[in-house]
């Protein structure tokens, strides 16, 4: 299968002006500026549903009633404090927007969030279970914390978010790549993914289960559940004079299936 090749642009964690964005000539044509989105900029809901965030105190004051996730399929009712507790844990509760790089208050079901990411955050959308990305930064030693543009993949009828970030692990500057599943934790366990980086005769590989977007990107990052590359090693993989980050990350997503003999075999999407 052919792999998508994308060059991605990094953004600092803090708010910034457009002029502060690295405009490396090799990836300027992709337009990956990733500017923060105001919560009011919502797409048409279409088949998806947006769920407004309401004041919890108002819900506690209500008598027995259907929970907030009722339109999404939950049929459980509760009273006062029990209702609030249930809504916080309900498997039908809305998902928060998985975009990283700026806080986004939008919440909704998966079809709504996919449209929101595409139309409002302008993220890259790809179909297929294999990928080939090159992450570029012209001054990697001057930036300790950065978030690259999110990429969304569609395969097996599901959506996955690929993240790439720079941060400090103790005193060491590192890069981390990881995948999140746009769905709940139980569904996420049905899938496995691998990430690989390498160069100059060396290679690093990560394999794991994607985390659900129920877990924030910061929670996943802080738990170190992904491929972590020290900056010096990332620059070694980048080649050249090691003054510019040009890190190629390849990966694939698959779903384990059981054959008639009872053995598990990986199933790659076609």
C-alpha atoms as a PDB file:
ATOM      1  CA  UNK A   1       0.000   0.000   0.000  1.00  0.00           C
ATOM      2  CA  UNK A   2       1.202   3.464  -0.771  1.00  0.00           C
ATOM      3  CA  UNK A   3       1.924   5.586   2.254  1.00  0.00           C
ATOM      4  CA  UNK A   4       0.835   9.159   2.732  1.00  0.00           C
ATOM      5  CA  UNK A   5       3.793  11.508   3.077  1.00  0.00           C
ATOM      6  CA  UNK A   6       3.158  14.668   5.048  1.00  0.00           C
ATOM      7  CA  UNK A   7       5.443  17.341   6.448  1.00  0.00           C
ATOM      8  CA  UNK A   8       4.104  18.869   9.626  1.00  0.00           C
ATOM      9  CA  UNK A   9       4.643  22.221  11.293  1.00  0.00           C
ATOM     10  CA  UNK A  10       5.120  22.622  15.031  1.00  0.00           C
ATOM     11  CA  UNK A  11       3.428  25.098  17.333  1.00  0.00           C
ATOM     12  CA  UNK A  12       4.467  26.154  20.834  1.00  0.00           C
ATOM     13  CA  UNK A  13       2.066  25.150  23.633  1.00  0.00           C
ATOM     14  CA  UNK A  14       1.360  28.770  24.526  1.00  0.00           C
ATOM     15  CA  UNK A  15      -0.774  31.110  22.453  1.00  0.00           C
ATOM     16  CA  UNK A  16       1.156  32.798  19.682  1.00  0.00           C
ATOM     17  CA  UNK A  17       0.940  35.136  16.727  1.00  0.00           C
ATOM     18  CA  UNK A  18       1.043  33.862  13.155  1.00  0.00           C
ATOM     19  CA  UNK A  19       4.432  35.508  12.662  1.00  0.00           C
ATOM     20  CA  UNK A  20       5.864  33.278  15.415  1.00  0.00           C
ATOM     21  CA  UNK A  21       5.147  30.090  13.462  1.00  0.00           C
ATOM     22  CA  UNK A  22       8.087  28.331  11.821  1.00  0.00           C
ATOM     23  CA  UNK A  23       7.571  28.790   8.080  1.00  0.00           C
ATOM     24  CA  UNK A  24      10.007  26.197   6.813  1.00  0.00           C
ATOM     25  CA  UNK A  25       9.842  26.288   2.984  1.00  0.00           C
ATOM     26  CA  UNK A  26       9.490  22.526   2.649  1.00  0.00           C
ATOM     27  CA  UNK A  27       6.127  22.490   4.387  1.00  0.00           C
ATOM     28  CA  UNK A  28       4.707  26.006   4.039  1.00  0.00           C
ATOM     29  CA  UNK A  29       2.386  24.870   1.243  1.00  0.00           C
ATOM     30  CA  UNK A  30       0.501  22.587   3.602  1.00  0.00           C
ATOM     31  CA  UNK A  31      -0.808  25.592   5.553  1.00  0.00           C
ATOM     32  CA  UNK A  32      -0.459  23.898   8.941  1.00  0.00           C
ATOM     33  CA  UNK A  33      -0.766  26.937  11.136  1.00  0.00           C
ATOM     34  CA  UNK A  34      -3.044  25.294  13.707  1.00  0.00           C
ATOM     35  CA  UNK A  35      -4.356  28.584  15.057  1.00  0.00           C
ATOM     36  CA  UNK A  36      -6.494  28.407  18.226  1.00  0.00           C
ATOM     37  CA  UNK A  37     -10.197  28.040  17.580  1.00  0.00           C
ATOM     38  CA  UNK A  38     -12.763  30.093  19.421  1.00  0.00           C
ATOM     39  CA  UNK A  39     -15.468  27.806  20.907  1.00  0.00           C
ATOM     40  CA  UNK A  40     -18.149  29.766  19.051  1.00  0.00           C
ATOM     41  CA  UNK A  41     -16.793  28.628  15.683  1.00  0.00           C
ATOM     42  CA  UNK A  42     -18.810  25.433  15.355  1.00  0.00           C
ATOM     43  CA  UNK A  43     -19.562  23.496  12.169  1.00  0.00           C
ATOM     44  CA  UNK A  44     -22.989  22.341  11.171  1.00  0.00           C
ATOM     45  CA  UNK A  45     -23.780  19.294  13.288  1.00  0.00           C
ATOM     46  CA  UNK A  46     -25.055  17.189  10.386  1.00  0.00           C
ATOM     47  CA  UNK A  47     -25.320  13.580  11.493  1.00  0.00           C
ATOM     48  CA  UNK A  48     -23.319  14.330  14.617  1.00  0.00           C
ATOM     49  CA  UNK A  49     -24.394  15.979  17.819  1.00  0.00           C
ATOM     50  CA  UNK A  50     -22.816  18.762  19.834  1.00  0.00           C
ATOM     51  CA  UNK A  51     -23.401  18.743  23.563  1.00  0.00           C
ATOM     52  CA  UNK A  52     -23.253  22.087  25.388  1.00  0.00           C
ATOM     53  CA  UNK A  53     -21.427  22.083  28.696  1.00  0.00           C
ATOM     54  CA  UNK A  54     -23.907  23.041  31.401  1.00  0.00           C
ATOM     55  CA  UNK A  55     -23.524  24.158  34.985  1.00  0.00           C
ATOM     56  CA  UNK A  56     -23.344  21.115  37.248  1.00  0.00           C
ATOM     57  CA  UNK A  57     -25.104  22.924  40.074  1.00  0.00           C
ATOM     58  CA  UNK A  58     -28.188  23.442  37.935  1.00  0.00           C
ATOM     59  CA  UNK A  59     -28.335  19.710  37.274  1.00  0.00           C
ATOM     60  CA  UNK A  60     -28.082  18.914  40.965  1.00  0.00           C
ATOM     61  CA  UNK A  61     -31.066  21.079  41.738  1.00  0.00           C
ATOM     62  CA  UNK A  62     -33.289  19.167  39.351  1.00  0.00           C
ATOM     63  CA  UNK A  63     -35.549  16.368  40.494  1.00  0.00           C
ATOM     64  CA  UNK A  64     -35.485  12.897  38.920  1.00  0.00           C
ATOM     65  CA  UNK A  65     -34.975  13.328  35.192  1.00  0.00           C
ATOM     66  CA  UNK A  66     -33.220  11.843  32.215  1.00  0.00           C
ATOM     67  CA  UNK A  67     -29.472  12.345  32.187  1.00  0.00           C
ATOM     68  CA  UNK A  68     -27.741  14.758  29.840  1.00  0.00           C
ATOM     69  CA  UNK A  69     -26.499  11.909  27.625  1.00  0.00           C
ATOM     70  CA  UNK A  70     -30.024  10.716  26.918  1.00  0.00           C
ATOM     71  CA  UNK A  71     -30.052  11.939  23.284  1.00  0.00           C
ATOM     72  CA  UNK A  72     -26.895   9.901  22.691  1.00  0.00           C
ATOM     73  CA  UNK A  73     -28.519   6.674  23.882  1.00  0.00           C
ATOM     74  CA  UNK A  74     -28.380   6.579  27.688  1.00  0.00           C
ATOM     75  CA  UNK A  75     -31.675   5.583  29.276  1.00  0.00           C
ATOM     76  CA  UNK A  76     -30.696   5.774  32.931  1.00  0.00           C
ATOM     77  CA  UNK A  77     -32.366   8.301  35.206  1.00  0.00           C
ATOM     78  CA  UNK A  78     -31.017   9.517  38.547  1.00  0.00           C
ATOM     79  CA  UNK A  79     -31.739  12.040  41.284  1.00  0.00           C
ATOM     80  CA  UNK A  80     -29.733  15.069  42.333  1.00  0.00           C
ATOM     81  CA  UNK A  81     -26.152  14.143  43.269  1.00  0.00           C
ATOM     82  CA  UNK A  82     -26.523  10.695  41.748  1.00  0.00           C
ATOM     83  CA  UNK A  83     -27.374  12.216  38.391  1.00  0.00           C
ATOM     84  CA  UNK A  84     -24.239  14.359  38.344  1.00  0.00           C
ATOM     85  CA  UNK A  85     -22.047  11.414  39.326  1.00  0.00           C
ATOM     86  CA  UNK A  86     -23.588   9.231  36.635  1.00  0.00           C
ATOM     87  CA  UNK A  87     -23.199  11.867  33.925  1.00  0.00           C
ATOM     88  CA  UNK A  88     -19.490  12.214  34.771  1.00  0.00           C
ATOM     89  CA  UNK A  89     -18.957   8.482  34.179  1.00  0.00           C
ATOM     90  CA  UNK A  90     -21.646   7.632  31.613  1.00  0.00           C
ATOM     91  CA  UNK A  91     -20.309   5.792  28.570  1.00  0.00           C
ATOM     92  CA  UNK A  92     -22.681   7.884  26.428  1.00  0.00           C
ATOM     93  CA  UNK A  93     -21.330  11.203  27.669  1.00  0.00           C
ATOM     94  CA  UNK A  94     -19.966  13.515  24.947  1.00  0.00           C
ATOM     95  CA  UNK A  95     -16.320  13.419  23.965  1.00  0.00           C
ATOM     96  CA  UNK A  96     -14.097  16.476  24.307  1.00  0.00           C
ATOM     97  CA  UNK A  97     -12.379  17.789  21.202  1.00  0.00           C
ATOM     98  CA  UNK A  98      -9.041  15.933  20.878  1.00  0.00           C
ATOM     99  CA  UNK A  99      -7.210  18.858  19.262  1.00  0.00           C
ATOM    100  CA  UNK A 100      -3.853  19.643  20.857  1.00  0.00           C
ATOM    101  CA  UNK A 101      -1.933  22.905  20.795  1.00  0.00           C
ATOM    102  CA  UNK A 102      -4.736  25.125  22.075  1.00  0.00           C
ATOM    103  CA  UNK A 103      -7.607  24.543  24.454  1.00  0.00           C
ATOM    104  CA  UNK A 104     -10.900  23.841  22.686  1.00  0.00           C
ATOM    105  CA  UNK A 105     -14.166  23.713  24.651  1.00  0.00           C
ATOM    106  CA  UNK A 106     -16.165  21.903  21.953  1.00  0.00           C
ATOM    107  CA  UNK A 107     -17.720  18.541  22.888  1.00  0.00           C
ATOM    108  CA  UNK A 108     -19.933  16.148  20.979  1.00  0.00           C
ATOM    109  CA  UNK A 109     -20.228  12.689  19.478  1.00  0.00           C
ATOM    110  CA  UNK A 110     -17.599  11.263  17.139  1.00  0.00           C
ATOM    111  CA  UNK A 111     -19.171  12.252  13.764  1.00  0.00           C
ATOM    112  CA  UNK A 112     -19.578  15.817  15.026  1.00  0.00           C
ATOM    113  CA  UNK A 113     -15.984  16.005  16.289  1.00  0.00           C
ATOM    114  CA  UNK A 114     -14.587  14.601  13.022  1.00  0.00           C
ATOM    115  CA  UNK A 115     -16.368  17.364  11.090  1.00  0.00           C
ATOM    116  CA  UNK A 116     -15.252  19.929  13.673  1.00  0.00           C
ATOM    117  CA  UNK A 117     -11.587  18.877  13.389  1.00  0.00           C
ATOM    118  CA  UNK A 118     -11.734  18.958   9.595  1.00  0.00           C
ATOM    119  CA  UNK A 119     -13.683  22.191   9.126  1.00  0.00           C
ATOM    120  CA  UNK A 120     -12.612  24.333  12.086  1.00  0.00           C
ATOM    121  CA  UNK A 121      -9.137  23.126  13.071  1.00  0.00           C
ATOM    122  CA  UNK A 122      -8.227  22.258   9.452  1.00  0.00           C
ATOM    123  CA  UNK A 123      -6.418  19.078  10.491  1.00  0.00           C
ATOM    124  CA  UNK A 124      -5.076  16.632   7.916  1.00  0.00           C
ATOM    125  CA  UNK A 125      -7.518  13.785   7.239  1.00  0.00           C
ATOM    126  CA  UNK A 126      -6.224  10.529   5.746  1.00  0.00           C
ATOM    127  CA  UNK A 127      -7.707   7.141   4.885  1.00  0.00           C
ATOM    128  CA  UNK A 128      -5.696   3.976   5.385  1.00  0.00           C
ATOM    129  CA  UNK A 129      -3.902   2.143   8.161  1.00  0.00           C
ATOM    130  CA  UNK A 130      -0.300   2.976   7.230  1.00  0.00           C
ATOM    131  CA  UNK A 131       1.349   6.376   7.328  1.00  0.00           C
ATOM    132  CA  UNK A 132       4.644   8.125   6.740  1.00  0.00           C
ATOM    133  CA  UNK A 133       5.094  11.584   8.289  1.00  0.00           C
ATOM    134  CA  UNK A 134       8.112  13.857   8.438  1.00  0.00           C
ATOM    135  CA  UNK A 135       8.187  16.323  11.322  1.00  0.00           C
ATOM    136  CA  UNK A 136      10.271  19.425  10.663  1.00  0.00           C
ATOM    137  CA  UNK A 137      11.652  22.128  12.955  1.00  0.00           C
ATOM    138  CA  UNK A 138      14.351  24.571  11.885  1.00  0.00           C
ATOM    139  CA  UNK A 139      15.534  25.533  15.398  1.00  0.00           C
ATOM    140  CA  UNK A 140      14.906  22.457  17.550  1.00  0.00           C
ATOM    141  CA  UNK A 141      17.350  23.431  20.303  1.00  0.00           C
ATOM    142  CA  UNK A 142      15.526  26.719  20.926  1.00  0.00           C
ATOM    143  CA  UNK A 143      12.108  25.168  21.553  1.00  0.00           C
ATOM    144  CA  UNK A 144      11.553  23.007  24.631  1.00  0.00           C
ATOM    145  CA  UNK A 145       7.754  22.624  24.400  1.00  0.00           C
ATOM    146  CA  UNK A 146       5.862  22.371  21.118  1.00  0.00           C
ATOM    147  CA  UNK A 147       2.866  20.596  19.615  1.00  0.00           C
ATOM    148  CA  UNK A 148       2.724  19.643  15.952  1.00  0.00           C
ATOM    149  CA  UNK A 149      -0.462  19.662  13.905  1.00  0.00           C
ATOM    150  CA  UNK A 150      -2.804  16.778  14.709  1.00  0.00           C
ATOM    151  CA  UNK A 151      -3.458  14.215  11.968  1.00  0.00           C
ATOM    152  CA  UNK A 152      -6.623  12.087  11.793  1.00  0.00           C
ATOM    153  CA  UNK A 153      -6.709   8.650  10.147  1.00  0.00           C
ATOM    154  CA  UNK A 154      -9.804   6.742   9.053  1.00  0.00           C
ATOM    155  CA  UNK A 155      -9.530   2.964   8.946  1.00  0.00           C
ATOM    156  CA  UNK A 156     -11.645  -0.026  10.010  1.00  0.00           C
ATOM    157  CA  UNK A 157     -14.569   2.393  10.018  1.00  0.00           C
ATOM    158  CA  UNK A 158     -12.993   4.245  12.968  1.00  0.00           C
ATOM    159  CA  UNK A 159     -10.954   7.425  13.486  1.00  0.00           C
ATOM    160  CA  UNK A 160      -7.510   7.731  15.097  1.00  0.00           C
ATOM    161  CA  UNK A 161      -5.506  10.845  16.080  1.00  0.00           C
ATOM    162  CA  UNK A 162      -1.725  10.950  15.635  1.00  0.00           C
ATOM    163  CA  UNK A 163       0.086  13.311  18.025  1.00  0.00           C
ATOM    164  CA  UNK A 164       3.667  14.556  18.033  1.00  0.00           C
ATOM    165  CA  UNK A 165       5.007  16.799  20.802  1.00  0.00           C
ATOM    166  CA  UNK A 166       8.234  18.163  22.247  1.00  0.00           C
ATOM    167  CA  UNK A 167       8.603  18.534  26.005  1.00  0.00           C
ATOM    168  CA  UNK A 168      10.995  18.155  28.918  1.00  0.00           C
ATOM    169  CA  UNK A 169      11.254  14.711  30.524  1.00  0.00           C
ATOM    170  CA  UNK A 170      12.985  15.629  33.747  1.00  0.00           C
ATOM    171  CA  UNK A 171      15.947  17.639  32.480  1.00  0.00           C
ATOM    172  CA  UNK A 172      16.063  15.918  29.086  1.00  0.00           C
ATOM    173  CA  UNK A 173      14.389  17.414  25.993  1.00  0.00           C
ATOM    174  CA  UNK A 174      12.426  14.716  24.175  1.00  0.00           C
ATOM    175  CA  UNK A 175       9.936  14.181  21.360  1.00  0.00           C
ATOM    176  CA  UNK A 176       6.957  11.867  21.687  1.00  0.00           C
ATOM    177  CA  UNK A 177       4.595  10.359  19.131  1.00  0.00           C
ATOM    178  CA  UNK A 178       1.424   8.507  20.106  1.00  0.00           C
ATOM    179  CA  UNK A 179      -1.992   7.535  18.796  1.00  0.00           C
ATOM    180  CA  UNK A 180      -5.440   8.118  20.331  1.00  0.00           C
ATOM    181  CA  UNK A 181      -8.656   6.360  19.362  1.00  0.00           C
ATOM    182  CA  UNK A 182     -11.797   8.393  18.737  1.00  0.00           C
ATOM    183  CA  UNK A 183     -14.113   6.235  20.835  1.00  0.00           C
ATOM    184  CA  UNK A 184     -14.266   4.693  24.288  1.00  0.00           C
ATOM    185  CA  UNK A 185     -11.639   2.689  26.125  1.00  0.00           C
ATOM    186  CA  UNK A 186     -13.223  -0.708  25.462  1.00  0.00           C
ATOM    187  CA  UNK A 187     -13.282  -0.175  21.696  1.00  0.00           C
ATOM    188  CA  UNK A 188      -9.693   1.127  21.719  1.00  0.00           C
ATOM    189  CA  UNK A 189      -8.459  -2.223  23.068  1.00  0.00           C
ATOM    190  CA  UNK A 190      -9.490  -3.900  19.796  1.00  0.00           C
ATOM    191  CA  UNK A 191      -6.657  -2.125  17.942  1.00  0.00           C
ATOM    192  CA  UNK A 192      -2.876  -2.111  17.981  1.00  0.00           C
ATOM    193  CA  UNK A 193      -0.458   0.311  16.384  1.00  0.00           C
ATOM    194  CA  UNK A 194       3.257   0.622  15.801  1.00  0.00           C
ATOM    195  CA  UNK A 195       5.501   3.636  15.273  1.00  0.00           C
ATOM    196  CA  UNK A 196       9.022   3.574  13.888  1.00  0.00           C
ATOM    197  CA  UNK A 197      11.805   6.138  13.515  1.00  0.00           C
ATOM    198  CA  UNK A 198      15.321   5.574  12.260  1.00  0.00           C
ATOM    199  CA  UNK A 199      18.315   6.702  10.286  1.00  0.00           C
ATOM    200  CA  UNK A 200      22.055   6.240   9.962  1.00  0.00           C
ATOM    201  CA  UNK A 201      21.767   2.498  10.569  1.00  0.00           C
ATOM    202  CA  UNK A 202      19.693   2.821  13.764  1.00  0.00           C
ATOM    203  CA  UNK A 203      15.988   2.242  14.420  1.00  0.00           C
ATOM    204  CA  UNK A 204      13.483   2.627  17.262  1.00  0.00           C
ATOM    205  CA  UNK A 205      10.059   0.915  17.281  1.00  0.00           C
ATOM    206  CA  UNK A 206       7.054   1.349  19.558  1.00  0.00           C
ATOM    207  CA  UNK A 207       4.042  -0.963  19.642  1.00  0.00           C
ATOM    208  CA  UNK A 208       0.993  -0.538  21.814  1.00  0.00           C
ATOM    209  CA  UNK A 209      -2.755  -0.032  22.129  1.00  0.00           C
ATOM    210  CA  UNK A 210      -4.123   3.423  21.295  1.00  0.00           C
ATOM    211  CA  UNK A 211      -5.547   5.370  24.190  1.00  0.00           C
ATOM    212  CA  UNK A 212      -9.107   6.644  24.019  1.00  0.00           C
ATOM    213  CA  UNK A 213      -9.700  10.368  23.567  1.00  0.00           C
ATOM    214  CA  UNK A 214     -11.427  10.104  26.960  1.00  0.00           C
ATOM    215  CA  UNK A 215      -7.831  10.556  28.155  1.00  0.00           C
ATOM    216  CA  UNK A 216      -6.516  14.001  27.260  1.00  0.00           C
ATOM    217  CA  UNK A 217      -3.412  14.287  25.094  1.00  0.00           C
ATOM    218  CA  UNK A 218      -1.560  15.747  28.080  1.00  0.00           C
ATOM    219  CA  UNK A 219      -2.531  12.789  30.277  1.00  0.00           C
ATOM    220  CA  UNK A 220      -1.240  10.349  27.656  1.00  0.00           C
ATOM    221  CA  UNK A 221       1.937  12.368  27.198  1.00  0.00           C
ATOM    222  CA  UNK A 222       2.595  12.607  30.922  1.00  0.00           C
ATOM    223  CA  UNK A 223       2.137   8.841  31.297  1.00  0.00           C
ATOM    224  CA  UNK A 224       4.822   8.348  28.594  1.00  0.00           C
ATOM    225  CA  UNK A 225       2.539   5.916  26.747  1.00  0.00           C
ATOM    226  CA  UNK A 226       4.069   6.227  23.290  1.00  0.00           C
ATOM    227  CA  UNK A 227       7.287   6.455  21.287  1.00  0.00           C
ATOM    228  CA  UNK A 228       9.746   8.735  23.120  1.00  0.00           C
ATOM    229  CA  UNK A 229      12.900   9.931  21.364  1.00  0.00           C
ATOM    230  CA  UNK A 230      15.575  12.010  23.064  1.00  0.00           C
ATOM    231  CA  UNK A 231      16.345  15.159  21.112  1.00  0.00           C
ATOM    232  CA  UNK A 232      19.945  14.243  20.390  1.00  0.00           C
ATOM    233  CA  UNK A 233      18.828  10.894  18.979  1.00  0.00           C
ATOM    234  CA  UNK A 234      16.054  12.573  16.935  1.00  0.00           C
ATOM    235  CA  UNK A 235      18.641  14.945  15.404  1.00  0.00           C
ATOM    236  CA  UNK A 236      20.915  11.962  14.726  1.00  0.00           C
ATOM    237  CA  UNK A 237      18.031  10.291  12.863  1.00  0.00           C
ATOM    238  CA  UNK A 238      17.441  13.555  10.975  1.00  0.00           C
ATOM    239  CA  UNK A 239      20.886  13.374   9.355  1.00  0.00           C
ATOM    240  CA  UNK A 240      22.819  16.344   8.009  1.00  0.00           C
ATOM    241  CA  UNK A 241      24.567  18.597  10.498  1.00  0.00           C
ATOM    242  CA  UNK A 242      22.020  17.763  13.240  1.00  0.00           C
ATOM    243  CA  UNK A 243      20.928  21.391  13.501  1.00  0.00           C
ATOM    244  CA  UNK A 244      17.475  20.862  11.983  1.00  0.00           C
ATOM    245  CA  UNK A 245      14.804  18.352  12.931  1.00  0.00           C
ATOM    246  CA  UNK A 246      13.680  16.268   9.950  1.00  0.00           C
ATOM    247  CA  UNK A 247      12.283  13.222  11.704  1.00  0.00           C
ATOM    248  CA  UNK A 248      10.407  10.664   9.640  1.00  0.00           C
ATOM    249  CA  UNK A 249       7.827   8.648  11.594  1.00  0.00           C
ATOM    250  CA  UNK A 250       6.213   5.650   9.923  1.00  0.00           C
ATOM    251  CA  UNK A 251       3.451   3.577  11.420  1.00  0.00           C
ATOM    252  CA  UNK A 252       0.540   1.256  10.954  1.00  0.00           C
ATOM    253  CA  UNK A 253      -2.707   0.367  12.673  1.00  0.00           C
ATOM    254  CA  UNK A 254      -4.180  -3.116  12.775  1.00  0.00           C
ATOM    255  CA  UNK A 255      -6.938  -5.138  14.394  1.00  0.00           C
ATOM    256  CA  UNK A 256      -6.355  -8.584  15.835  1.00  0.00           C
ATOM    257  CA  UNK A 257      -8.610 -11.308  14.433  1.00  0.00           C
ATOM    258  CA  UNK A 258      -8.920 -14.971  15.339  1.00  0.00           C
ATOM    259  CA  UNK A 259      -8.659 -17.545  12.545  1.00  0.00           C
ATOM    260  CA  UNK A 260     -10.577 -20.884  12.566  1.00  0.00           C
ATOM    261  CA  UNK A 261      -7.665 -22.538  14.387  1.00  0.00           C
ATOM    262  CA  UNK A 262      -8.013 -20.077  17.277  1.00  0.00           C
ATOM    263  CA  UNK A 263      -4.778 -18.220  16.512  1.00  0.00           C
ATOM    264  CA  UNK A 264      -4.728 -14.421  16.535  1.00  0.00           C
ATOM    265  CA  UNK A 265      -3.631 -12.824  13.272  1.00  0.00           C
ATOM    266  CA  UNK A 266      -3.204  -9.112  12.530  1.00  0.00           C
ATOM    267  CA  UNK A 267      -5.718  -7.675  10.091  1.00  0.00           C
ATOM    268  CA  UNK A 268      -4.559  -4.628   8.131  1.00  0.00           C
ATOM    269  CA  UNK A 269      -7.239  -2.550   6.504  1.00  0.00           C
ATOM    270  CA  UNK A 270      -7.363  -2.693   2.716  1.00  0.00           C
END
